[in-house]
PDB file of all heavy atoms in Angstrom:
ATOM      1  N   ALA A   1       0.821  -1.207   0.000  1.00  0.00           N
ATOM      2  CA  ALA A   1       0.000   0.000   0.000  1.00  0.00           C
ATOM      3  C   ALA A   1       0.860   1.264   0.000  1.00  0.00           C
ATOM      4  O   ALA A   1       0.481   2.280  -0.579  1.00  0.00           O
ATOM      5  CB  ALA A   1      -0.931  -0.005   1.193  1.00  0.00           C
ATOM      6  N   LYS A   2       2.008   1.191   0.631  1.00  0.00           N
ATOM      7  CA  LYS A   2       2.882   2.366   0.723  1.00  0.00           C
ATOM      8  C   LYS A   2       3.988   2.336  -0.327  1.00  0.00           C
ATOM      9  O   LYS A   2       4.788   3.280  -0.378  1.00  0.00           O
ATOM     10  CB  LYS A   2       3.503   2.443   2.116  1.00  0.00           C
ATOM     11  CG  LYS A   2       2.502   2.667   3.231  1.00  0.00           C
ATOM     12  CD  LYS A   2       3.195   2.778   4.583  1.00  0.00           C
ATOM     13  CE  LYS A   2       2.199   3.044   5.690  1.00  0.00           C
ATOM     14  NZ  LYS A   2       2.867   3.138   7.020  1.00  0.00           N
ATOM     15  N   ASN A   3       4.048   1.281  -1.120  1.00  0.00           N
ATOM     16  CA  ASN A   3       5.132   1.139  -2.108  1.00  0.00           C
ATOM     17  C   ASN A   3       6.494   1.321  -1.436  1.00  0.00           C
ATOM     18  O   ASN A   3       7.380   2.031  -1.959  1.00  0.00           O
ATOM     19  CB  ASN A   3       4.962   2.150  -3.246  1.00  0.00           C
ATOM     20  CG  ASN A   3       5.189   1.533  -4.607  1.00  0.00           C
ATOM     21  OD1 ASN A   3       4.926   0.345  -4.808  1.00  0.00           O
ATOM     22  ND2 ASN A   3       5.677   2.322  -5.540  1.00  0.00           N
ATOM     23  N   THR A   4       6.642   0.701  -0.304  1.00  0.00           N
ATOM     24  CA  THR A   4       7.825   0.883   0.521  1.00  0.00           C
ATOM     25  C   THR A   4       8.403  -0.472   0.908  1.00  0.00           C
ATOM     26  O   THR A   4       7.658  -1.413   1.203  1.00  0.00           O
ATOM     27  CB  THR A   4       7.482   1.682   1.798  1.00  0.00           C
ATOM     28  OG1 THR A   4       7.022   2.987   1.417  1.00  0.00           O
ATOM     29  CG2 THR A   4       8.701   1.832   2.696  1.00  0.00           C
ATOM     30  N   VAL A   5       9.717  -0.556   0.890  1.00  0.00           N
ATOM     31  CA  VAL A   5      10.411  -1.764   1.318  1.00  0.00           C
ATOM     32  C   VAL A   5      11.237  -1.427   2.553  1.00  0.00           C
ATOM     33  O   VAL A   5      11.732  -0.307   2.696  1.00  0.00           O
ATOM     34  CB  VAL A   5      11.286  -2.329   0.178  1.00  0.00           C
ATOM     35  CG1 VAL A   5      12.367  -1.344  -0.245  1.00  0.00           C
ATOM     36  CG2 VAL A   5      11.909  -3.652   0.577  1.00  0.00           C
ATOM     37  N   TYR A   6      11.366  -2.387   3.439  1.00  0.00           N
ATOM     38  CA  TYR A   6      12.076  -2.189   4.695  1.00  0.00           C
ATOM     39  C   TYR A   6      13.204  -3.205   4.831  1.00  0.00           C
ATOM     40  O   TYR A   6      13.164  -4.293   4.252  1.00  0.00           O
ATOM     41  CB  TYR A   6      11.113  -2.348   5.870  1.00  0.00           C
ATOM     42  CG  TYR A   6       9.914  -1.443   5.810  1.00  0.00           C
ATOM     43  CD1 TYR A   6       8.692  -1.899   5.306  1.00  0.00           C
ATOM     44  CD2 TYR A   6       9.986  -0.128   6.248  1.00  0.00           C
ATOM     45  CE1 TYR A   6       7.586  -1.065   5.242  1.00  0.00           C
ATOM     46  CE2 TYR A   6       8.885   0.710   6.196  1.00  0.00           C
ATOM     47  CZ  TYR A   6       7.687   0.235   5.686  1.00  0.00           C
ATOM     48  OH  TYR A   6       6.594   1.060   5.631  1.00  0.00           O
ATOM     49  N   LEU A   7      14.172  -2.837   5.624  1.00  0.00           N
ATOM     50  CA  LEU A   7      15.213  -3.769   6.031  1.00  0.00           C
ATOM     51  C   LEU A   7      15.352  -3.654   7.545  1.00  0.00           C
ATOM     52  O   LEU A   7      15.866  -2.651   8.046  1.00  0.00           O
ATOM     53  CB  LEU A   7      16.545  -3.477   5.346  1.00  0.00           C
ATOM     54  CG  LEU A   7      17.645  -4.498   5.621  1.00  0.00           C
ATOM     55  CD1 LEU A   7      17.308  -5.846   4.967  1.00  0.00           C
ATOM     56  CD2 LEU A   7      19.001  -3.989   5.112  1.00  0.00           C
ATOM     57  N   GLN A   8      14.845  -4.650   8.239  1.00  0.00           N
ATOM     58  CA  GLN A   8      14.990  -4.713   9.690  1.00  0.00           C
ATOM     59  C   GLN A   8      16.329  -5.353  10.002  1.00  0.00           C
ATOM     60  O   GLN A   8      16.590  -6.483   9.575  1.00  0.00           O
ATOM     61  CB  GLN A   8      13.857  -5.522  10.311  1.00  0.00           C
ATOM     62  CG  GLN A   8      13.962  -5.680  11.808  1.00  0.00           C
ATOM     63  CD  GLN A   8      13.779  -4.373  12.563  1.00  0.00           C
ATOM     64  OE1 GLN A   8      12.893  -3.586  12.241  1.00  0.00           O
ATOM     65  NE2 GLN A   8      14.615  -4.142  13.566  1.00  0.00           N
ATOM     66  N   MET A   9      17.154  -4.638  10.746  1.00  0.00           N
ATOM     67  CA  MET A   9      18.496  -5.117  11.052  1.00  0.00           C
ATOM     68  C   MET A   9      18.621  -5.269  12.562  1.00  0.00           C
ATOM     69  O   MET A   9      18.516  -4.280  13.301  1.00  0.00           O
ATOM     70  CB  MET A   9      19.545  -4.133  10.522  1.00  0.00           C
ATOM     71  CG  MET A   9      19.385  -3.811   9.044  1.00  0.00           C
ATOM     72  SD  MET A   9      20.721  -2.814   8.380  1.00  0.00           S
ATOM     73  CE  MET A   9      20.504  -1.304   9.306  1.00  0.00           C
ATOM     74  N   ASN A  10      18.840  -6.483  12.991  1.00  0.00           N
ATOM     75  CA  ASN A  10      18.987  -6.790  14.410  1.00  0.00           C
ATOM     76  C   ASN A  10      20.391  -7.314  14.701  1.00  0.00           C
ATOM     77  O   ASN A  10      21.103  -7.732  13.781  1.00  0.00           O
ATOM     78  CB  ASN A  10      17.955  -7.830  14.841  1.00  0.00           C
ATOM     79  CG  ASN A  10      16.529  -7.358  14.655  1.00  0.00           C
ATOM     80  OD1 ASN A  10      16.238  -6.170  14.779  1.00  0.00           O
ATOM     81  ND2 ASN A  10      15.637  -8.281  14.357  1.00  0.00           N
ATOM     82  N   SER A  11      20.752  -7.301  15.953  1.00  0.00           N
ATOM     83  CA  SER A  11      22.057  -7.813  16.388  1.00  0.00           C
ATOM     84  C   SER A  11      23.173  -7.233  15.537  1.00  0.00           C
ATOM     85  O   SER A  11      24.049  -7.954  15.045  1.00  0.00           O
ATOM     86  CB  SER A  11      22.076  -9.345  16.319  1.00  0.00           C
ATOM     87  OG  SER A  11      21.044  -9.896  17.102  1.00  0.00           O
ATOM     88  N   LEU A  12      23.164  -5.946  15.382  1.00  0.00           N
ATOM     89  CA  LEU A  12      24.124  -5.287  14.487  1.00  0.00           C
ATOM     90  C   LEU A  12      25.545  -5.413  15.004  1.00  0.00           C
ATOM     91  O   LEU A  12      25.805  -5.370  16.217  1.00  0.00           O
ATOM     92  CB  LEU A  12      23.741  -3.827  14.305  1.00  0.00           C
ATOM     93  CG  LEU A  12      22.582  -3.611  13.313  1.00  0.00           C
ATOM     94  CD1 LEU A  12      21.946  -2.249  13.505  1.00  0.00           C
ATOM     95  CD2 LEU A  12      23.066  -3.785  11.888  1.00  0.00           C
ATOM     96  N   LYS A  13      26.451  -5.557  14.050  1.00  0.00           N
ATOM     97  CA  LYS A  13      27.872  -5.700  14.341  1.00  0.00           C
ATOM     98  C   LYS A  13      28.626  -4.533  13.698  1.00  0.00           C
ATOM     99  O   LYS A  13      28.144  -3.944  12.715  1.00  0.00           O
ATOM    100  CB  LYS A  13      28.389  -7.014  13.753  1.00  0.00           C
ATOM    101  CG  LYS A  13      27.632  -8.247  14.191  1.00  0.00           C
ATOM    102  CD  LYS A  13      28.140  -9.481  13.460  1.00  0.00           C
ATOM    103  CE  LYS A  13      27.362 -10.731  13.841  1.00  0.00           C
ATOM    104  NZ  LYS A  13      27.856 -11.927  13.127  1.00  0.00           N
ATOM    105  N   PRO A  14      29.804  -4.218  14.184  1.00  0.00           N
ATOM    106  CA  PRO A  14      30.590  -3.139  13.565  1.00  0.00           C
ATOM    107  C   PRO A  14      30.811  -3.360  12.070  1.00  0.00           C
ATOM    108  O   PRO A  14      30.830  -2.403  11.295  1.00  0.00           O
ATOM    109  CB  PRO A  14      31.903  -3.174  14.346  1.00  0.00           C
ATOM    110  CG  PRO A  14      31.510  -3.688  15.688  1.00  0.00           C
ATOM    111  CD  PRO A  14      30.431  -4.700  15.421  1.00  0.00           C
ATOM    112  N   GLU A  15      30.936  -4.605  11.660  1.00  0.00           N
ATOM    113  CA  GLU A  15      31.156  -4.888  10.235  1.00  0.00           C
ATOM    114  C   GLU A  15      29.903  -4.687   9.382  1.00  0.00           C
ATOM    115  O   GLU A  15      29.965  -4.779   8.156  1.00  0.00           O
ATOM    116  CB  GLU A  15      31.696  -6.310  10.039  1.00  0.00           C
ATOM    117  CG  GLU A  15      30.871  -7.392  10.699  1.00  0.00           C
ATOM    118  CD  GLU A  15      31.421  -7.801  12.058  1.00  0.00           C
ATOM    119  OE1 GLU A  15      31.843  -6.896  12.828  1.00  0.00           O
ATOM    120  OE2 GLU A  15      31.416  -9.018  12.349  1.00  0.00           O
ATOM    121  N   ASP A  16      28.761  -4.403  10.009  1.00  0.00           N
ATOM    122  CA  ASP A  16      27.554  -4.073   9.249  1.00  0.00           C
ATOM    123  C   ASP A  16      27.522  -2.606   8.836  1.00  0.00           C
ATOM    124  O   ASP A  16      26.649  -2.187   8.079  1.00  0.00           O
ATOM    125  CB  ASP A  16      26.300  -4.368  10.070  1.00  0.00           C
ATOM    126  CG  ASP A  16      26.095  -5.844  10.331  1.00  0.00           C
ATOM    127  OD1 ASP A  16      26.315  -6.647   9.399  1.00  0.00           O
ATOM    128  OD2 ASP A  16      25.713  -6.197  11.464  1.00  0.00           O
ATOM    129  N   ALA A  17      28.448  -1.824   9.322  1.00  0.00           N
ATOM    130  CA  ALA A  17      28.447  -0.395   9.035  1.00  0.00           C
ATOM    131  C   ALA A  17      28.722  -0.115   7.563  1.00  0.00           C
ATOM    132  O   ALA A  17      29.446  -0.863   6.901  1.00  0.00           O
ATOM    133  CB  ALA A  17      29.490   0.315   9.893  1.00  0.00           C
ATOM    134  N   GLY A  18      28.148   0.955   7.084  1.00  0.00           N
ATOM    135  CA  GLY A  18      28.343   1.355   5.701  1.00  0.00           C
ATOM    136  C   GLY A  18      27.166   2.166   5.215  1.00  0.00           C
ATOM    137  O   GLY A  18      26.247   2.462   5.992  1.00  0.00           O
ATOM    138  N   VAL A  19      27.190   2.507   3.960  1.00  0.00           N
ATOM    139  CA  VAL A  19      26.050   3.167   3.347  1.00  0.00           C
ATOM    140  C   VAL A  19      25.153   2.087   2.746  1.00  0.00           C
ATOM    141  O   VAL A  19      25.623   1.239   1.982  1.00  0.00           O
ATOM    142  CB  VAL A  19      26.487   4.166   2.265  1.00  0.00           C
ATOM    143  CG1 VAL A  19      25.268   4.814   1.611  1.00  0.00           C
ATOM    144  CG2 VAL A  19      27.394   5.235   2.864  1.00  0.00           C
ATOM    145  N   TYR A  20      23.897   2.125   3.095  1.00  0.00           N
ATOM    146  CA  TYR A  20      22.939   1.130   2.625  1.00  0.00           C
ATOM    147  C   TYR A  20      22.102   1.728   1.497  1.00  0.00           C
ATOM    148  O   TYR A  20      21.573   2.842   1.619  1.00  0.00           O
ATOM    149  CB  TYR A  20      22.048   0.678   3.776  1.00  0.00           C
ATOM    150  CG  TYR A  20      22.712  -0.344   4.657  1.00  0.00           C
ATOM    151  CD1 TYR A  20      23.764   0.017   5.503  1.00  0.00           C
ATOM    152  CD2 TYR A  20      22.317  -1.687   4.640  1.00  0.00           C
ATOM    153  CE1 TYR A  20      24.399  -0.924   6.298  1.00  0.00           C
ATOM    154  CE2 TYR A  20      22.933  -2.629   5.439  1.00  0.00           C
ATOM    155  CZ  TYR A  20      23.970  -2.247   6.253  1.00  0.00           C
ATOM    156  OH  TYR A  20      24.597  -3.188   7.045  1.00  0.00           O
ATOM    157  N   TYR A  21      22.002   0.966   0.434  1.00  0.00           N
ATOM    158  CA  TYR A  21      21.292   1.409  -0.758  1.00  0.00           C
ATOM    159  C   TYR A  21      20.102   0.497  -1.041  1.00  0.00           C
ATOM    160  O   TYR A  21      20.205  -0.731  -0.964  1.00  0.00           O
ATOM    161  CB  TYR A  21      22.214   1.379  -1.969  1.00  0.00           C
ATOM    162  CG  TYR A  21      23.407   2.302  -1.878  1.00  0.00           C
ATOM    163  CD1 TYR A  21      24.606   1.857  -1.340  1.00  0.00           C
ATOM    164  CD2 TYR A  21      23.327   3.617  -2.338  1.00  0.00           C
ATOM    165  CE1 TYR A  21      25.703   2.697  -1.254  1.00  0.00           C
ATOM    166  CE2 TYR A  21      24.418   4.461  -2.268  1.00  0.00           C
ATOM    167  CZ  TYR A  21      25.608   3.992  -1.722  1.00  0.00           C
ATOM    168  OH  TYR A  21      26.686   4.838  -1.643  1.00  0.00           O
ATOM    169  N   CYS A  22      19.035   1.125  -1.424  1.00  0.00           N
ATOM    170  CA  CYS A  22      17.871   0.414  -1.936  1.00  0.00           C
ATOM    171  C   CYS A  22      17.975   0.383  -3.452  1.00  0.00           C
ATOM    172  O   CYS A  22      18.401   1.371  -4.072  1.00  0.00           O
ATOM    173  CB  CYS A  22      16.606   1.157  -1.494  1.00  0.00           C
ATOM    174  SG  CYS A  22      15.063   0.481  -2.116  1.00  0.00           S
ATOM    175  N   THR A  23      17.592  -0.715  -4.039  1.00  0.00           N
ATOM    176  CA  THR A  23      17.793  -0.847  -5.469  1.00  0.00           C
ATOM    177  C   THR A  23      16.731  -1.762  -6.079  1.00  0.00           C
ATOM    178  O   THR A  23      16.033  -2.480  -5.353  1.00  0.00           O
ATOM    179  CB  THR A  23      19.212  -1.379  -5.738  1.00  0.00           C
ATOM    180  OG1 THR A  23      19.426  -1.498  -7.135  1.00  0.00           O
ATOM    181  CG2 THR A  23      19.416  -2.742  -5.098  1.00  0.00           C
ATOM    182  N   SER A  24      16.634  -1.727  -7.400  1.00  0.00           N
ATOM    183  CA  SER A  24      15.593  -2.506  -8.049  1.00  0.00           C
ATOM    184  C   SER A  24      15.946  -2.807  -9.502  1.00  0.00           C
ATOM    185  O   SER A  24      16.720  -2.067 -10.132  1.00  0.00           O
ATOM    186  CB  SER A  24      14.261  -1.743  -7.996  1.00  0.00           C
ATOM    187  OG  SER A  24      13.203  -2.497  -8.559  1.00  0.00           O
ATOM    188  N   TYR A  25      15.402  -3.900  -9.994  1.00  0.00           N
ATOM    189  CA  TYR A  25      15.477  -4.189 -11.422  1.00  0.00           C
ATOM    190  C   TYR A  25      14.225  -4.940 -11.844  1.00  0.00           C
ATOM    191  O   TYR A  25      13.522  -5.503 -11.000  1.00  0.00           O
ATOM    192  CB  TYR A  25      16.747  -4.972 -11.780  1.00  0.00           C
ATOM    193  CG  TYR A  25      16.798  -6.422 -11.329  1.00  0.00           C
ATOM    194  CD1 TYR A  25      16.349  -7.459 -12.135  1.00  0.00           C
ATOM    195  CD2 TYR A  25      17.351  -6.744 -10.084  1.00  0.00           C
ATOM    196  CE1 TYR A  25      16.418  -8.781 -11.710  1.00  0.00           C
ATOM    197  CE2 TYR A  25      17.429  -8.064  -9.654  1.00  0.00           C
ATOM    198  CZ  TYR A  25      16.974  -9.072 -10.474  1.00  0.00           C
ATOM    199  OH  TYR A  25      17.050 -10.379 -10.055  1.00  0.00           O
ATOM    200  N   LEU A  26      13.997  -4.930 -13.147  1.00  0.00           N
ATOM    201  CA  LEU A  26      12.865  -5.656 -13.714  1.00  0.00           C
ATOM    202  C   LEU A  26      13.372  -7.005 -14.220  1.00  0.00           C
ATOM    203  O   LEU A  26      14.158  -7.047 -15.170  1.00  0.00           O
ATOM    204  CB  LEU A  26      12.246  -4.848 -14.850  1.00  0.00           C
ATOM    205  CG  LEU A  26      10.946  -5.390 -15.452  1.00  0.00           C
ATOM    206  CD1 LEU A  26       9.853  -5.397 -14.397  1.00  0.00           C
ATOM    207  CD2 LEU A  26      10.534  -4.549 -16.646  1.00  0.00           C
ATOM    208  N   PRO A  27      12.978  -8.097 -13.601  1.00  0.00           N
ATOM    209  CA  PRO A  27      13.509  -9.392 -14.017  1.00  0.00           C
ATOM    210  C   PRO A  27      12.813  -9.904 -15.273  1.00  0.00           C
ATOM    211  O   PRO A  27      11.789  -9.370 -15.708  1.00  0.00           O
ATOM    212  CB  PRO A  27      13.184 -10.272 -12.816  1.00  0.00           C
ATOM    213  CG  PRO A  27      11.920  -9.690 -12.269  1.00  0.00           C
ATOM    214  CD  PRO A  27      12.037  -8.208 -12.474  1.00  0.00           C
ATOM    215  N   SER A  28      13.363 -10.963 -15.843  1.00  0.00           N
ATOM    216  CA  SER A  28      12.705 -11.604 -16.969  1.00  0.00           C
ATOM    217  C   SER A  28      11.410 -12.251 -16.493  1.00  0.00           C
ATOM    218  O   SER A  28      11.248 -12.568 -15.321  1.00  0.00           O
ATOM    219  CB  SER A  28      13.630 -12.653 -17.587  1.00  0.00           C
ATOM    220  OG  SER A  28      13.852 -13.704 -16.668  1.00  0.00           O
ATOM    221  N   ALA A  29      10.511 -12.464 -17.421  1.00  0.00           N
ATOM    222  CA  ALA A  29       9.198 -12.988 -17.065  1.00  0.00           C
ATOM    223  C   ALA A  29       9.282 -14.382 -16.460  1.00  0.00           C
ATOM    224  O   ALA A  29       8.436 -14.766 -15.649  1.00  0.00           O
ATOM    225  CB  ALA A  29       8.307 -12.999 -18.301  1.00  0.00           C
ATOM    226  N   LEU A  30      10.301 -15.134 -16.822  1.00  0.00           N
ATOM    227  CA  LEU A  30      10.436 -16.508 -16.332  1.00  0.00           C
ATOM    228  C   LEU A  30      11.249 -16.594 -15.051  1.00  0.00           C
ATOM    229  O   LEU A  30      11.401 -17.668 -14.484  1.00  0.00           O
ATOM    230  CB  LEU A  30      11.084 -17.383 -17.412  1.00  0.00           C
ATOM    231  CG  LEU A  30      10.309 -17.509 -18.726  1.00  0.00           C
ATOM    232  CD1 LEU A  30      11.085 -18.362 -19.719  1.00  0.00           C
ATOM    233  CD2 LEU A  30       8.930 -18.095 -18.478  1.00  0.00           C
ATOM    234  N   SER A  31      11.765 -15.486 -14.582  1.00  0.00           N
ATOM    235  CA  SER A  31      12.619 -15.500 -13.394  1.00  0.00           C
ATOM    236  C   SER A  31      11.813 -15.860 -12.152  1.00  0.00           C
ATOM    237  O   SER A  31      10.713 -15.347 -11.935  1.00  0.00           O
ATOM    238  CB  SER A  31      13.265 -14.127 -13.204  1.00  0.00           C
ATOM    239  OG  SER A  31      13.991 -14.087 -12.005  1.00  0.00           O
ATOM    240  N   THR A  32      12.351 -16.761 -11.343  1.00  0.00           N
ATOM    241  CA  THR A  32      11.659 -17.182 -10.128  1.00  0.00           C
ATOM    242  C   THR A  32      12.367 -16.726  -8.862  1.00  0.00           C
ATOM    243  O   THR A  32      11.873 -16.963  -7.762  1.00  0.00           O
ATOM    244  CB  THR A  32      11.540 -18.712 -10.095  1.00  0.00           C
ATOM    245  OG1 THR A  32      12.855 -19.271 -10.156  1.00  0.00           O
ATOM    246  CG2 THR A  32      10.710 -19.224 -11.260  1.00  0.00           C
ATOM    247  N   SER A  33      13.504 -16.076  -9.020  1.00  0.00           N
ATOM    248  CA  SER A  33      14.232 -15.620  -7.849  1.00  0.00           C
ATOM    249  C   SER A  33      14.952 -14.326  -8.188  1.00  0.00           C
ATOM    250  O   SER A  33      14.785 -13.787  -9.271  1.00  0.00           O
ATOM    251  CB  SER A  33      15.223 -16.682  -7.377  1.00  0.00           C
ATOM    252  OG  SER A  33      16.198 -16.918  -8.374  1.00  0.00           O
ATOM    253  N   CYS A  34      15.750 -13.838  -7.248  1.00  0.00           N
ATOM    254  CA  CYS A  34      16.479 -12.589  -7.456  1.00  0.00           C
ATOM    255  C   CYS A  34      17.976 -12.836  -7.303  1.00  0.00           C
ATOM    256  O   CYS A  34      18.399 -13.847  -6.769  1.00  0.00           O
ATOM    257  CB  CYS A  34      16.006 -11.521  -6.472  1.00  0.00           C
ATOM    258  SG  CYS A  34      16.216 -11.972  -4.737  1.00  0.00           S
ATOM    259  N   THR A  35      18.743 -11.880  -7.767  1.00  0.00           N
ATOM    260  CA  THR A  35      20.187 -11.969  -7.674  1.00  0.00           C
ATOM    261  C   THR A  35      20.728 -10.855  -6.795  1.00  0.00           C
ATOM    262  O   THR A  35      20.140  -9.777  -6.708  1.00  0.00           O
ATOM    263  CB  THR A  35      20.839 -11.875  -9.060  1.00  0.00           C
ATOM    264  OG1 THR A  35      22.256 -11.910  -8.920  1.00  0.00           O
ATOM    265  CG2 THR A  35      20.462 -10.580  -9.771  1.00  0.00           C
ATOM    266  N   LEU A  36      21.857 -11.117  -6.161  1.00  0.00           N
ATOM    267  CA  LEU A  36      22.550 -10.094  -5.381  1.00  0.00           C
ATOM    268  C   LEU A  36      23.761  -9.548  -6.128  1.00  0.00           C
ATOM    269  O   LEU A  36      24.690  -9.018  -5.520  1.00  0.00           O
ATOM    270  CB  LEU A  36      22.959 -10.659  -4.018  1.00  0.00           C
ATOM    271  CG  LEU A  36      21.812 -10.877  -3.038  1.00  0.00           C
ATOM    272  CD1 LEU A  36      22.314 -11.522  -1.743  1.00  0.00           C
ATOM    273  CD2 LEU A  36      21.092  -9.568  -2.733  1.00  0.00           C
ATOM    274  N   ALA A  37      23.738  -9.688  -7.440  1.00  0.00           N
ATOM    275  CA  ALA A  37      24.791  -9.103  -8.265  1.00  0.00           C
ATOM    276  C   ALA A  37      24.435  -7.655  -8.568  1.00  0.00           C
ATOM    277  O   ALA A  37      23.421  -7.383  -9.219  1.00  0.00           O
ATOM    278  CB  ALA A  37      24.946  -9.892  -9.550  1.00  0.00           C
ATOM    279  N   ALA A  38      25.269  -6.739  -8.128  1.00  0.00           N
ATOM    280  CA  ALA A  38      24.958  -5.312  -8.260  1.00  0.00           C
ATOM    281  C   ALA A  38      24.787  -4.877  -9.704  1.00  0.00           C
ATOM    282  O   ALA A  38      23.993  -3.970  -9.987  1.00  0.00           O
ATOM    283  CB  ALA A  38      26.052  -4.487  -7.594  1.00  0.00           C
ATOM    284  N   THR A  39      25.482  -5.511 -10.614  1.00  0.00           N
ATOM    285  CA  THR A  39      25.419  -5.101 -12.012  1.00  0.00           C
ATOM    286  C   THR A  39      24.050  -5.330 -12.635  1.00  0.00           C
ATOM    287  O   THR A  39      23.743  -4.778 -13.686  1.00  0.00           O
ATOM    288  CB  THR A  39      26.479  -5.841 -12.836  1.00  0.00           C
ATOM    289  OG1 THR A  39      26.309  -7.252 -12.628  1.00  0.00           O
ATOM    290  CG2 THR A  39      27.883  -5.438 -12.406  1.00  0.00           C
ATOM    291  N   ARG A  40      23.235  -6.109 -11.968  1.00  0.00           N
ATOM    292  CA  ARG A  40      21.903  -6.393 -12.501  1.00  0.00           C
ATOM    293  C   ARG A  40      20.912  -5.279 -12.205  1.00  0.00           C
ATOM    294  O   ARG A  40      19.843  -5.213 -12.808  1.00  0.00           O
ATOM    295  CB  ARG A  40      21.405  -7.716 -11.900  1.00  0.00           C
ATOM    296  CG  ARG A  40      20.127  -8.249 -12.514  1.00  0.00           C
ATOM    297  CD  ARG A  40      20.297  -8.630 -13.973  1.00  0.00           C
ATOM    298  NE  ARG A  40      19.051  -9.164 -14.520  1.00  0.00           N
ATOM    299  CZ  ARG A  40      18.093  -8.412 -15.061  1.00  0.00           C
ATOM    300  NH1 ARG A  40      18.243  -7.098 -15.088  1.00  0.00           N
ATOM    301  NH2 ARG A  40      17.011  -8.966 -15.554  1.00  0.00           N
TER     302      ARG A  40
END
């Protein structure tokens, strides 16, 4: 309803620090999963 995505982060560690980016792509029609490759 809000067109909003969240990332709940618990038990945070120092190595979790950084700039966090939200991102999106339009997958192929037959795609059943997503990739964590930034170039996509």
